[in-house]
Amino acid sequence: MQPQLRSLSNPALAMFPPVDTKNAPAVASFVEAKFAVMYPGASLTWLRRIFEDIEALFAGRHPDYAAVDLRYHDLEHTLQATVCLVLLLEGRHAAGVEPRVDPRQFELAVSAALLHDSGYLKLRSDSVGTGAKYTFCHVLRSCAFTASYLPVLGANEVEVEAVLGAINGTGPTKEISQLHFRDPVERVIGCALATADYLGQMAAVDYPDELEILFQEFQESDNFIHLPASRRVFKSAQELIERTPVFWQKFVLRKLESDFQAVYRFLARPYPHGPNPYLEAVEQNMLIIRNRAASLRRPA
């Protein structure tokens, strides 16, 4: 069964998303505020440190890594996923669903969101192309960076493994149901991050305008690994645009409902029967994309 979608006339979309995802300090404050309400009295030290570090990393203020040079998988994409994840966990927390996510698990979930695309970043010595060339291995590279970074913040072996498990579930070819997690909460967080990774980007107001940029990243990656034209998923930006609505309907929605355990439902406001701004925003984008695809097919 696929998710039931409401009318696209929901006035709540005028306030969507609830924070500017182009502004890292604003997103950090947003997440801290949600955390403080959910877990009164819990320290904000971890969240403040990791937000500062990730913003510095993407800006090129890390001694080993250059600034992100991608236009699609940039810091805003990471922040979009993070905001969506936090809203999802907030909805689940308010619903009182068991097993509960405790404050430390929330911190680790946010860490996974902030680090999940760190694998696109290039070392300073790497001057060839952009980070898009690492598309096929970016999850592995993200995990490698995370495994070396989190212990510096004081994370122990079990916590690092939990974050790596969540990041590993964001790979488009991964089946979360087939991945090993130590406990049910870690699986919930893995499903939440994978859900937020899709919905955060696809619900963005500029998503229809970003598809040509996304194609350019795929093209660079295919060229880097010398993938034959016959094996490339998309041969042109127009093909990517035309196939995106089918990708949403036939692939993403099914993943959200089954493999990701339908945790997207916790984005409904109010839960469980209120409108889901993320699904509605994606549907609006799909309508725009379908219209653009149709115009591209018309003869000049």
Foldseek 3Di string as FASTA:
>chain_A
DFDDADDLPDPCLVCPPVFPLVDLVRLLVVLVVLLCVLAPPDDCVLSVVLSVVLVCQLPQVDPWWGHAPADQPGSSLLSLLLSQLSLLLSLVSVVVDPPHQDSVNNSLLSSLSSLLQSLLIDTPVDDPDGSLLCVVPRLVSSLVVLVVPVVVVPDDPLSSVLSNLLSVLLPLVDQLVPDDDPDPSSSLSSLSSNLSSVLSQLLDPCNLVCLQSVVVSLVSNCVSVVPDCVPRPDNHSLRSLQCVVVCVVVPVSVCCVPSSVVSLCSCAVNPRPHHRSSVSSNVVSNVVSNVVSVVVPDDD
